[in-house]
């Protein structure tokens, strides 16, 4: 293999790696306002713990940006939580609610009246 081909191959590999590594912008965010994949992953880990699920519960693992039924439900619930925190729990010293407030590690909150 001559030197020109070696350099061309090297530059192609470097360019490809740069393009893949540079794709750090989250896609298809409709409710969350994060600008980095790192922030999205951190938030998603919290949601996973709050609901007791793995990523594949809401996401197509071949393309996480694809909409799914569980993702649509999650968006609705996230909007509900944000609305409550902004309009009800907005006073000084108020605790904010999260998925954990109701779900407690389960996809379906247990709705039991106190005795």
N, C-alpha and C. Protein backbone atom coordinates (compact mmCIF):
# COMPACT_ATOMS: atom_id res chain seq x y z
N UNK A 1 0.86 -1.18 0.00
CA UNK A 1 0.00 0.00 0.00
C UNK A 1 0.90 1.23 0.00
N UNK A 2 0.61 2.16 -0.89
CA UNK A 2 1.48 3.33 -0.95
C UNK A 2 1.09 4.34 0.14
N UNK A 3 1.95 5.30 0.34
CA UNK A 3 1.79 6.28 1.42
C UNK A 3 0.53 7.13 1.28
N UNK A 4 0.14 7.45 0.06
CA UNK A 4 -1.07 8.25 -0.16
C UNK A 4 -2.30 7.52 0.37
N UNK A 5 -2.37 6.23 0.09
CA UNK A 5 -3.52 5.43 0.53
C UNK A 5 -3.54 5.30 2.06
N UNK A 6 -2.37 5.15 2.65
CA UNK A 6 -2.28 5.06 4.11
C UNK A 6 -2.79 6.35 4.75
N UNK A 7 -2.36 7.49 4.23
CA UNK A 7 -2.81 8.78 4.77
C UNK A 7 -4.30 8.98 4.56
N UNK A 8 -4.79 8.60 3.41
CA UNK A 8 -6.22 8.72 3.12
C UNK A 8 -7.04 7.86 4.08
N UNK A 9 -6.59 6.65 4.32
CA UNK A 9 -7.26 5.76 5.26
C UNK A 9 -7.22 6.35 6.67
N UNK A 10 -6.05 6.83 7.08
CA UNK A 10 -5.89 7.44 8.40
C UNK A 10 -6.82 8.63 8.58
N UNK A 11 -6.84 9.53 7.61
CA UNK A 11 -7.69 10.72 7.69
C UNK A 11 -9.17 10.34 7.71
N UNK A 12 -9.55 9.33 6.96
CA UNK A 12 -10.94 8.86 6.95
C UNK A 12 -11.36 8.35 8.32
N UNK A 13 -10.48 7.58 8.95
CA UNK A 13 -10.77 7.04 10.28
C UNK A 13 -10.89 8.17 11.30
N UNK A 14 -9.95 9.10 11.27
CA UNK A 14 -9.98 10.23 12.21
C UNK A 14 -11.24 11.06 11.99
N UNK A 15 -11.59 11.34 10.76
CA UNK A 15 -12.78 12.13 10.45
C UNK A 15 -14.04 11.41 10.94
N UNK A 16 -14.14 10.12 10.70
CA UNK A 16 -15.30 9.34 11.13
C UNK A 16 -15.42 9.34 12.64
N UNK A 17 -14.31 9.13 13.33
CA UNK A 17 -14.33 9.12 14.79
C UNK A 17 -14.72 10.48 15.34
N UNK A 18 -14.26 11.54 14.72
CA UNK A 18 -14.62 12.89 15.15
C UNK A 18 -16.10 13.14 14.96
N UNK A 19 -16.66 12.70 13.86
CA UNK A 19 -18.09 12.90 13.60
C UNK A 19 -18.94 12.14 14.60
N UNK A 20 -18.55 10.90 14.91
CA UNK A 20 -19.31 10.10 15.87
C UNK A 20 -19.19 10.69 17.26
N UNK A 21 -17.99 11.03 17.70
CA UNK A 21 -17.77 11.59 19.03
C UNK A 21 -18.40 12.96 19.18
N UNK A 22 -18.50 13.71 18.10
CA UNK A 22 -19.04 15.06 18.16
C UNK A 22 -20.55 15.12 18.25
N UNK A 23 -21.24 14.00 18.04
CA UNK A 23 -22.70 13.98 18.06
C UNK A 23 -23.20 13.85 19.50
N UNK A 24 -23.13 14.93 20.25
CA UNK A 24 -23.50 14.92 21.67
C UNK A 24 -24.80 15.67 21.94
N UNK A 25 -25.50 16.08 20.90
CA UNK A 25 -26.74 16.82 21.09
C UNK A 25 -27.91 15.85 21.19
N UNK A 26 -28.69 15.91 22.28
CA UNK A 26 -29.84 15.01 22.41
C UNK A 26 -30.84 15.24 21.28
N UNK A 27 -31.52 14.18 20.88
CA UNK A 27 -32.50 14.27 19.80
C UNK A 27 -33.90 13.97 20.31
N UNK A 28 -34.89 14.61 19.71
CA UNK A 28 -36.31 14.37 19.97
C UNK A 28 -36.71 14.65 21.42
N UNK A 29 -36.11 15.66 22.03
CA UNK A 29 -36.54 16.07 23.37
C UNK A 29 -37.73 17.01 23.21
N UNK A 30 -38.85 16.63 23.78
CA UNK A 30 -40.06 17.45 23.65
C UNK A 30 -40.45 18.12 24.95
N UNK A 31 -40.01 17.57 26.08
CA UNK A 31 -40.35 18.13 27.38
C UNK A 31 -39.11 18.64 28.09
N UNK A 32 -38.05 17.89 28.04
CA UNK A 32 -36.81 18.25 28.73
C UNK A 32 -36.06 19.32 27.96
N UNK A 33 -35.38 20.19 28.69
CA UNK A 33 -34.65 21.27 28.02
C UNK A 33 -33.14 21.13 28.16
N UNK A 34 -32.66 19.91 28.29
CA UNK A 34 -31.22 19.67 28.39
C UNK A 34 -30.56 19.88 27.04
N UNK A 35 -29.32 20.33 27.07
CA UNK A 35 -28.59 20.55 25.82
C UNK A 35 -27.44 19.56 25.64
N UNK A 36 -27.18 18.73 26.64
CA UNK A 36 -26.10 17.74 26.50
C UNK A 36 -26.64 16.35 26.79
N UNK A 37 -26.07 15.38 26.10
CA UNK A 37 -26.43 13.99 26.32
C UNK A 37 -26.11 13.57 27.75
N UNK A 38 -25.03 14.10 28.30
CA UNK A 38 -24.63 13.78 29.68
C UNK A 38 -25.74 14.15 30.66
N UNK A 39 -26.33 15.34 30.50
CA UNK A 39 -27.40 15.78 31.39
C UNK A 39 -28.65 14.93 31.23
N UNK A 40 -28.96 14.56 29.99
CA UNK A 40 -30.12 13.70 29.74
C UNK A 40 -29.93 12.35 30.41
N UNK A 41 -28.75 11.76 30.26
CA UNK A 41 -28.47 10.45 30.87
C UNK A 41 -28.58 10.51 32.39
N UNK A 42 -28.08 11.57 32.98
CA UNK A 42 -28.16 11.73 34.44
C UNK A 42 -29.62 11.78 34.88
N UNK A 43 -30.44 12.55 34.18
CA UNK A 43 -31.86 12.66 34.51
C UNK A 43 -32.58 11.33 34.28
N UNK A 44 -32.26 10.66 33.19
CA UNK A 44 -32.90 9.38 32.87
C UNK A 44 -32.56 8.31 33.90
N UNK A 45 -31.35 8.33 34.44
CA UNK A 45 -30.98 7.37 35.49
C UNK A 45 -31.85 7.59 36.73
N UNK A 46 -32.13 8.85 37.05
CA UNK A 46 -33.00 9.15 38.18
C UNK A 46 -34.42 8.61 37.92
N UNK A 47 -34.93 8.86 36.72
CA UNK A 47 -36.27 8.38 36.35
C UNK A 47 -36.31 6.85 36.43
N UNK A 48 -35.28 6.19 35.92
CA UNK A 48 -35.22 4.72 35.95
C UNK A 48 -35.33 4.20 37.38
N UNK A 49 -34.61 4.82 38.30
CA UNK A 49 -34.67 4.41 39.70
C UNK A 49 -36.05 4.70 40.29
N UNK A 50 -36.59 5.88 39.99
CA UNK A 50 -37.90 6.26 40.54
C UNK A 50 -39.01 5.30 40.11
N UNK A 51 -38.89 4.74 38.89
CA UNK A 51 -39.92 3.84 38.36
C UNK A 51 -39.52 2.37 38.45
N UNK A 52 -38.28 2.09 38.83
CA UNK A 52 -37.83 0.71 38.92
C UNK A 52 -37.73 0.01 37.58
N UNK A 53 -37.29 0.74 36.55
CA UNK A 53 -37.22 0.18 35.20
C UNK A 53 -35.83 0.40 34.59
N UNK A 54 -35.59 -0.28 33.49
CA UNK A 54 -34.38 -0.08 32.69
C UNK A 54 -34.75 0.77 31.48
N UNK A 55 -33.76 1.24 30.77
CA UNK A 55 -33.97 2.13 29.62
C UNK A 55 -34.97 1.57 28.60
N UNK A 56 -34.88 0.25 28.36
CA UNK A 56 -35.72 -0.35 27.31
C UNK A 56 -37.21 -0.32 27.64
N UNK A 57 -37.58 0.03 28.86
CA UNK A 57 -38.99 0.14 29.21
C UNK A 57 -39.66 1.23 28.36
N UNK A 58 -38.95 2.33 28.13
CA UNK A 58 -39.50 3.44 27.33
C UNK A 58 -38.83 3.58 25.96
N UNK A 59 -37.60 3.12 25.84
CA UNK A 59 -36.82 3.40 24.64
C UNK A 59 -36.63 2.19 23.74
N UNK A 60 -36.63 2.44 22.44
CA UNK A 60 -36.18 1.47 21.44
C UNK A 60 -34.65 1.53 21.51
N UNK A 61 -34.02 0.45 21.90
CA UNK A 61 -32.58 0.48 22.15
C UNK A 61 -31.76 0.62 20.87
N UNK A 62 -32.37 0.41 19.71
CA UNK A 62 -31.66 0.62 18.44
C UNK A 62 -31.62 2.10 18.07
N UNK A 63 -32.60 2.85 18.54
CA UNK A 63 -32.66 4.30 18.29
C UNK A 63 -33.49 4.93 19.40
N UNK A 64 -32.82 5.45 20.41
CA UNK A 64 -33.51 5.97 21.60
C UNK A 64 -34.37 7.20 21.31
N UNK A 65 -34.20 7.81 20.14
CA UNK A 65 -34.99 9.00 19.83
C UNK A 65 -36.38 8.65 19.27
N UNK A 66 -36.61 7.38 18.93
CA UNK A 66 -37.91 6.97 18.39
C UNK A 66 -38.98 7.09 19.48
N UNK A 67 -40.14 7.62 19.11
CA UNK A 67 -41.25 7.73 20.06
C UNK A 67 -41.87 6.36 20.32
N UNK A 68 -42.22 6.11 21.58
CA UNK A 68 -42.91 4.88 21.98
C UNK A 68 -44.08 5.26 22.87
N UNK A 69 -44.97 4.31 23.12
CA UNK A 69 -46.13 4.59 23.98
C UNK A 69 -45.69 4.99 25.38
N UNK A 70 -44.73 4.25 25.95
CA UNK A 70 -44.27 4.59 27.30
C UNK A 70 -43.56 5.94 27.34
N UNK A 71 -42.87 6.29 26.27
CA UNK A 71 -42.21 7.59 26.22
C UNK A 71 -43.25 8.71 26.20
N UNK A 72 -44.34 8.51 25.46
CA UNK A 72 -45.41 9.51 25.44
C UNK A 72 -46.05 9.67 26.82
N UNK A 73 -46.26 8.55 27.51
CA UNK A 73 -46.81 8.61 28.87
C UNK A 73 -45.84 9.34 29.79
N UNK A 74 -44.57 9.03 29.67
CA UNK A 74 -43.55 9.68 30.51
C UNK A 74 -43.52 11.18 30.26
N UNK A 75 -43.64 11.59 29.01
CA UNK A 75 -43.67 13.04 28.71
C UNK A 75 -44.86 13.71 29.39
N UNK A 76 -46.02 13.06 29.33
CA UNK A 76 -47.20 13.61 29.98
C UNK A 76 -46.97 13.74 31.49
N UNK A 77 -46.40 12.70 32.09
CA UNK A 77 -46.16 12.71 33.54
C UNK A 77 -45.10 13.75 33.92
N UNK A 78 -44.05 13.89 33.11
CA UNK A 78 -43.02 14.91 33.39
C UNK A 78 -43.62 16.30 33.33
N UNK A 79 -44.49 16.53 32.36
CA UNK A 79 -45.16 17.83 32.24
C UNK A 79 -46.03 18.08 33.46
N UNK A 80 -46.73 17.05 33.92
CA UNK A 80 -47.58 17.17 35.11
C UNK A 80 -46.73 17.54 36.33
N UNK A 81 -45.61 16.87 36.52
CA UNK A 81 -44.73 17.15 37.66
C UNK A 81 -44.18 18.58 37.57
N UNK A 82 -43.72 18.98 36.38
CA UNK A 82 -43.19 20.34 36.20
C UNK A 82 -44.26 21.39 36.50
N UNK A 83 -45.48 21.14 36.05
CA UNK A 83 -46.59 22.08 36.28
C UNK A 83 -46.88 22.21 37.76
N UNK A 84 -46.92 21.08 38.46
CA UNK A 84 -47.18 21.11 39.91
C UNK A 84 -46.07 21.85 40.65
N UNK A 85 -44.84 21.58 40.29
CA UNK A 85 -43.72 22.26 40.96
C UNK A 85 -43.73 23.76 40.67
N UNK A 86 -44.10 24.14 39.45
CA UNK A 86 -44.12 25.56 39.08
C UNK A 86 -45.31 26.32 39.66
N UNK A 87 -46.46 25.65 39.81
CA UNK A 87 -47.67 26.38 40.21
C UNK A 87 -48.12 26.12 41.65
N UNK A 88 -47.81 24.96 42.20
CA UNK A 88 -48.26 24.63 43.55
C UNK A 88 -47.11 24.68 44.56
N UNK A 89 -46.02 24.05 44.21
CA UNK A 89 -44.88 23.96 45.12
C UNK A 89 -43.83 25.01 44.78
N UNK A 90 -44.27 26.24 44.58
CA UNK A 90 -43.38 27.31 44.14
C UNK A 90 -43.05 28.32 45.23
N UNK A 91 -43.52 28.08 46.44
CA UNK A 91 -43.25 29.02 47.52
C UNK A 91 -41.90 28.71 48.17
N UNK A 92 -41.36 29.70 48.85
CA UNK A 92 -40.05 29.54 49.47
C UNK A 92 -40.07 28.40 50.49
N UNK A 93 -39.11 27.52 50.40
CA UNK A 93 -39.01 26.40 51.33
C UNK A 93 -39.83 25.18 50.93
N UNK A 94 -40.55 25.26 49.82
CA UNK A 94 -41.38 24.14 49.38
C UNK A 94 -40.51 22.99 48.88
N UNK A 95 -40.92 21.78 49.20
CA UNK A 95 -40.27 20.60 48.61
C UNK A 95 -40.85 20.40 47.23
N UNK A 96 -40.01 20.02 46.29
CA UNK A 96 -40.46 19.75 44.93
C UNK A 96 -40.85 18.28 44.83
N UNK A 97 -41.86 17.99 44.02
CA UNK A 97 -42.24 16.60 43.80
C UNK A 97 -41.44 16.04 42.63
N UNK A 98 -41.39 14.73 42.54
CA UNK A 98 -40.70 14.04 41.44
C UNK A 98 -41.47 12.76 41.15
N UNK A 99 -40.98 11.98 40.23
CA UNK A 99 -41.62 10.69 39.92
C UNK A 99 -41.69 9.82 41.17
N UNK A 100 -40.64 9.90 42.00
CA UNK A 100 -40.56 9.09 43.21
C UNK A 100 -41.71 9.39 44.18
N UNK A 101 -42.19 10.62 44.20
CA UNK A 101 -43.24 11.02 45.13
C UNK A 101 -44.41 10.05 45.09
N UNK A 102 -44.80 9.62 43.91
CA UNK A 102 -45.92 8.69 43.77
C UNK A 102 -45.49 7.26 43.42
N UNK A 103 -44.50 7.13 42.56
CA UNK A 103 -44.18 5.81 42.02
C UNK A 103 -43.40 4.92 42.97
N UNK A 104 -42.52 5.46 43.75
CA UNK A 104 -41.77 4.69 44.75
C UNK A 104 -41.15 3.41 44.20
N UNK A 105 -40.54 3.52 43.02
CA UNK A 105 -39.85 2.37 42.43
C UNK A 105 -40.74 1.42 41.66
N UNK A 106 -41.95 1.84 41.33
CA UNK A 106 -42.89 0.99 40.60
C UNK A 106 -43.47 1.77 39.42
N UNK A 107 -43.77 1.08 38.32
CA UNK A 107 -44.34 1.77 37.16
C UNK A 107 -45.78 2.21 37.43
N UNK A 108 -46.46 1.54 38.34
CA UNK A 108 -47.84 1.91 38.68
C UNK A 108 -47.90 2.28 40.16
N UNK A 109 -48.20 3.55 40.47
CA UNK A 109 -48.28 3.94 41.88
C UNK A 109 -49.35 3.12 42.61
N UNK A 110 -49.05 2.75 43.84
CA UNK A 110 -50.02 2.03 44.66
C UNK A 110 -50.99 3.05 45.25
N UNK A 111 -52.24 2.91 44.91
CA UNK A 111 -53.25 3.86 45.37
C UNK A 111 -54.06 3.22 46.50
N UNK A 112 -53.57 3.38 47.71
CA UNK A 112 -54.22 2.80 48.88
C UNK A 112 -54.52 3.93 49.85
N UNK A 113 -55.75 3.98 50.28
CA UNK A 113 -56.12 5.00 51.28
C UNK A 113 -55.54 4.63 52.64
N UNK A 114 -55.12 5.63 53.39
CA UNK A 114 -54.64 5.35 54.75
C UNK A 114 -55.81 4.86 55.62
N UNK A 115 -55.50 4.02 56.57
CA UNK A 115 -56.55 3.49 57.47
C UNK A 115 -56.76 4.39 58.64
